Amino acid sequence: MQHTILIIQAITAILLIVSILLQSRGEGLGVLGADIGGSHHTKRGFEQFLYQASIVLSVAFIGMSIISVSINA
């Protein structure tokens, strides 16, 4: 059981790192659409998906960490 939790936790950590690194700080994916101006825009499409995925993955990672600690105690 503990081995399975560690594998799931490692996969969650890798996915969390990837989802955070894909979010460019300040510019987002607007650079790909030639949004050169410094205008403020809301997150849409893939940016919104990455934002929500990073929240879900971080909650899952914290949950798996708590479960892992409680099993070891």
N, C-alpha and C. Protein backbone atom coordinates (compact mmCIF):
# COMPACT_ATOMS: atom_id res chain seq x y z
N MET A 1 0.82 -1.19 0.00
CA MET A 1 0.00 0.00 0.00
C MET A 1 0.87 1.26 0.00
N GLN A 2 1.89 1.27 0.85
CA GLN A 2 2.76 2.45 0.94
C GLN A 2 3.52 2.66 -0.36
N HIS A 3 3.93 1.58 -0.99
CA HIS A 3 4.66 1.68 -2.26
C HIS A 3 3.78 2.31 -3.34
N THR A 4 2.52 1.92 -3.38
CA THR A 4 1.59 2.47 -4.37
C THR A 4 1.37 3.96 -4.13
N ILE A 5 1.23 4.35 -2.87
CA ILE A 5 1.03 5.76 -2.54
C ILE A 5 2.24 6.59 -2.95
N LEU A 6 3.44 6.06 -2.74
CA LEU A 6 4.65 6.80 -3.14
C LEU A 6 4.74 6.96 -4.65
N ILE A 7 4.33 5.94 -5.40
CA ILE A 7 4.35 6.04 -6.86
C ILE A 7 3.35 7.09 -7.33
N ILE A 8 2.13 7.06 -6.76
CA ILE A 8 1.12 8.05 -7.13
C ILE A 8 1.58 9.45 -6.74
N GLN A 9 2.22 9.57 -5.59
CA GLN A 9 2.71 10.87 -5.15
C GLN A 9 3.81 11.39 -6.08
N ALA A 10 4.68 10.52 -6.54
CA ALA A 10 5.75 10.94 -7.46
C ALA A 10 5.18 11.38 -8.80
N ILE A 11 4.20 10.65 -9.31
CA ILE A 11 3.57 11.02 -10.58
C ILE A 11 2.86 12.36 -10.43
N THR A 12 2.16 12.55 -9.30
CA THR A 12 1.48 13.81 -9.04
C THR A 12 2.47 14.96 -8.96
N ALA A 13 3.60 14.73 -8.33
CA ALA A 13 4.63 15.77 -8.22
C ALA A 13 5.18 16.16 -9.58
N ILE A 14 5.43 15.19 -10.43
CA ILE A 14 5.96 15.48 -11.76
C ILE A 14 4.93 16.26 -12.58
N LEU A 15 3.67 15.84 -12.53
CA LEU A 15 2.62 16.56 -13.26
C LEU A 15 2.44 17.97 -12.73
N LEU A 16 2.57 18.15 -11.42
CA LEU A 16 2.45 19.48 -10.82
C LEU A 16 3.59 20.39 -11.29
N ILE A 17 4.78 19.86 -11.32
CA ILE A 17 5.93 20.64 -11.79
C ILE A 17 5.74 21.05 -13.25
N VAL A 18 5.30 20.12 -14.08
CA VAL A 18 5.10 20.43 -15.50
C VAL A 18 4.01 21.49 -15.67
N SER A 19 2.90 21.35 -14.93
CA SER A 19 1.81 22.32 -15.08
C SER A 19 2.23 23.71 -14.62
N ILE A 20 3.08 23.79 -13.62
CA ILE A 20 3.54 25.10 -13.15
C ILE A 20 4.55 25.69 -14.13
N LEU A 21 5.44 24.87 -14.65
CA LEU A 21 6.45 25.38 -15.58
C LEU A 21 5.85 25.82 -16.91
N LEU A 22 4.72 25.25 -17.30
CA LEU A 22 4.08 25.66 -18.55
C LEU A 22 3.41 27.02 -18.44
N GLN A 23 3.18 27.46 -17.23
CA GLN A 23 2.58 28.77 -17.03
C GLN A 23 3.70 29.80 -16.97
N SER A 24 3.88 30.54 -18.04
CA SER A 24 4.91 31.57 -18.07
C SER A 24 4.50 32.69 -17.14
N ARG A 25 5.40 33.16 -16.36
CA ARG A 25 5.08 34.21 -15.39
C ARG A 25 4.81 35.52 -16.10
N GLY A 26 3.64 36.10 -15.84
CA GLY A 26 3.29 37.40 -16.35
C GLY A 26 2.68 37.40 -17.74
N GLU A 27 3.18 36.58 -18.64
CA GLU A 27 2.72 36.63 -20.01
C GLU A 27 1.74 35.52 -20.36
N GLY A 28 1.85 34.40 -19.71
CA GLY A 28 0.97 33.29 -20.04
C GLY A 28 1.24 32.78 -21.44
N LEU A 29 0.23 32.20 -22.05
CA LEU A 29 0.39 31.71 -23.41
C LEU A 29 0.01 32.75 -24.44
N GLY A 30 -0.21 33.99 -24.01
CA GLY A 30 -0.56 35.07 -24.92
C GLY A 30 0.54 35.38 -25.91
N VAL A 31 1.77 35.03 -25.57
CA VAL A 31 2.90 35.26 -26.46
C VAL A 31 2.72 34.47 -27.75
N LEU A 32 2.14 33.29 -27.65
CA LEU A 32 1.94 32.48 -28.84
C LEU A 32 0.93 33.10 -29.78
N GLY A 33 0.00 33.88 -29.25
CA GLY A 33 -1.01 34.52 -30.06
C GLY A 33 -0.63 35.92 -30.48
N ALA A 34 0.61 36.29 -30.31
CA ALA A 34 1.15 37.60 -30.68
C ALA A 34 0.47 38.72 -29.90
N ASP A 35 0.15 38.48 -28.65
CA ASP A 35 -0.41 39.52 -27.78
C ASP A 35 0.76 40.30 -27.19
N ILE A 36 1.28 41.25 -27.96
CA ILE A 36 2.49 41.95 -27.59
C ILE A 36 2.23 43.02 -26.54
N GLY A 37 1.08 43.63 -26.56
CA GLY A 37 0.77 44.71 -25.63
C GLY A 37 0.75 44.23 -24.20
N GLY A 38 0.88 45.15 -23.27
CA GLY A 38 0.88 44.82 -21.86
C GLY A 38 -0.51 44.81 -21.26
N SER A 39 -1.50 44.53 -22.07
CA SER A 39 -2.88 44.55 -21.59
C SER A 39 -3.17 43.36 -20.69
N HIS A 40 -4.12 43.58 -19.81
CA HIS A 40 -4.54 42.53 -18.89
C HIS A 40 -5.64 41.71 -19.55
N HIS A 41 -5.53 40.40 -19.48
CA HIS A 41 -6.56 39.56 -20.04
C HIS A 41 -6.86 38.42 -19.07
N THR A 42 -8.04 37.87 -19.21
CA THR A 42 -8.42 36.75 -18.35
C THR A 42 -7.88 35.46 -18.94
N LYS A 43 -7.75 34.47 -18.07
CA LYS A 43 -7.27 33.18 -18.53
C LYS A 43 -8.39 32.47 -19.29
N ARG A 44 -8.03 31.94 -20.44
CA ARG A 44 -9.00 31.22 -21.25
C ARG A 44 -8.34 30.01 -21.87
N GLY A 45 -9.13 29.04 -22.17
CA GLY A 45 -8.65 27.87 -22.89
C GLY A 45 -7.62 27.09 -22.11
N PHE A 46 -6.47 26.89 -22.74
CA PHE A 46 -5.43 26.06 -22.16
C PHE A 46 -4.82 26.69 -20.91
N GLU A 47 -4.74 28.01 -20.87
CA GLU A 47 -4.23 28.70 -19.68
C GLU A 47 -5.11 28.41 -18.48
N GLN A 48 -6.43 28.46 -18.68
CA GLN A 48 -7.38 28.18 -17.60
C GLN A 48 -7.24 26.72 -17.16
N PHE A 49 -7.07 25.82 -18.12
CA PHE A 49 -6.89 24.41 -17.79
C PHE A 49 -5.64 24.19 -16.96
N LEU A 50 -4.52 24.83 -17.35
CA LEU A 50 -3.29 24.68 -16.59
C LEU A 50 -3.43 25.23 -15.18
N TYR A 51 -4.12 26.35 -15.05
CA TYR A 51 -4.33 26.97 -13.74
C TYR A 51 -5.15 26.05 -12.84
N GLN A 52 -6.24 25.52 -13.36
CA GLN A 52 -7.07 24.63 -12.56
C GLN A 52 -6.37 23.30 -12.28
N ALA A 53 -5.61 22.81 -13.25
CA ALA A 53 -4.88 21.56 -13.05
C ALA A 53 -3.82 21.70 -11.97
N SER A 54 -3.15 22.85 -11.92
CA SER A 54 -2.14 23.04 -10.88
C SER A 54 -2.77 23.10 -9.50
N ILE A 55 -3.97 23.66 -9.39
CA ILE A 55 -4.66 23.68 -8.10
C ILE A 55 -5.06 22.27 -7.68
N VAL A 56 -5.66 21.53 -8.60
CA VAL A 56 -6.10 20.16 -8.29
C VAL A 56 -4.90 19.28 -7.95
N LEU A 57 -3.84 19.40 -8.72
CA LEU A 57 -2.65 18.57 -8.47
C LEU A 57 -1.98 18.92 -7.15
N SER A 58 -1.98 20.20 -6.78
CA SER A 58 -1.37 20.57 -5.50
C SER A 58 -2.19 20.04 -4.33
N VAL A 59 -3.52 20.10 -4.44
CA VAL A 59 -4.37 19.54 -3.38
C VAL A 59 -4.18 18.03 -3.29
N ALA A 60 -4.09 17.37 -4.45
CA ALA A 60 -3.87 15.92 -4.47
C ALA A 60 -2.51 15.57 -3.87
N PHE A 61 -1.49 16.36 -4.18
CA PHE A 61 -0.16 16.08 -3.64
C PHE A 61 -0.14 16.24 -2.12
N ILE A 62 -0.77 17.29 -1.62
CA ILE A 62 -0.83 17.49 -0.17
C ILE A 62 -1.61 16.37 0.48
N GLY A 63 -2.72 15.97 -0.13
CA GLY A 63 -3.51 14.86 0.41
C GLY A 63 -2.72 13.56 0.46
N MET A 64 -2.00 13.27 -0.62
CA MET A 64 -1.18 12.05 -0.65
C MET A 64 -0.06 12.12 0.38
N SER A 65 0.49 13.30 0.61
CA SER A 65 1.53 13.45 1.63
C SER A 65 0.98 13.18 3.01
N ILE A 66 -0.21 13.70 3.29
CA ILE A 66 -0.82 13.46 4.60
C ILE A 66 -1.14 11.98 4.79
N ILE A 67 -1.65 11.34 3.73
CA ILE A 67 -1.93 9.91 3.83
C ILE A 67 -0.65 9.11 4.04
N SER A 68 0.41 9.49 3.34
CA SER A 68 1.70 8.79 3.48
C SER A 68 2.25 8.93 4.89
N VAL A 69 2.13 10.12 5.47
CA VAL A 69 2.63 10.32 6.83
C VAL A 69 1.78 9.55 7.84
N SER A 70 0.47 9.54 7.64
CA SER A 70 -0.39 8.84 8.58
C SER A 70 -0.21 7.33 8.52
N ILE A 71 0.15 6.79 7.37
CA ILE A 71 0.41 5.34 7.26
C ILE A 71 1.71 5.00 7.96
N ASN A 72 2.70 5.86 7.84
CA ASN A 72 4.00 5.59 8.46
C ASN A 72 3.99 5.76 9.97
N ALA A 73 3.05 6.53 10.50
CA ALA A 73 3.03 6.81 11.95
C ALA A 73 2.47 5.67 12.74
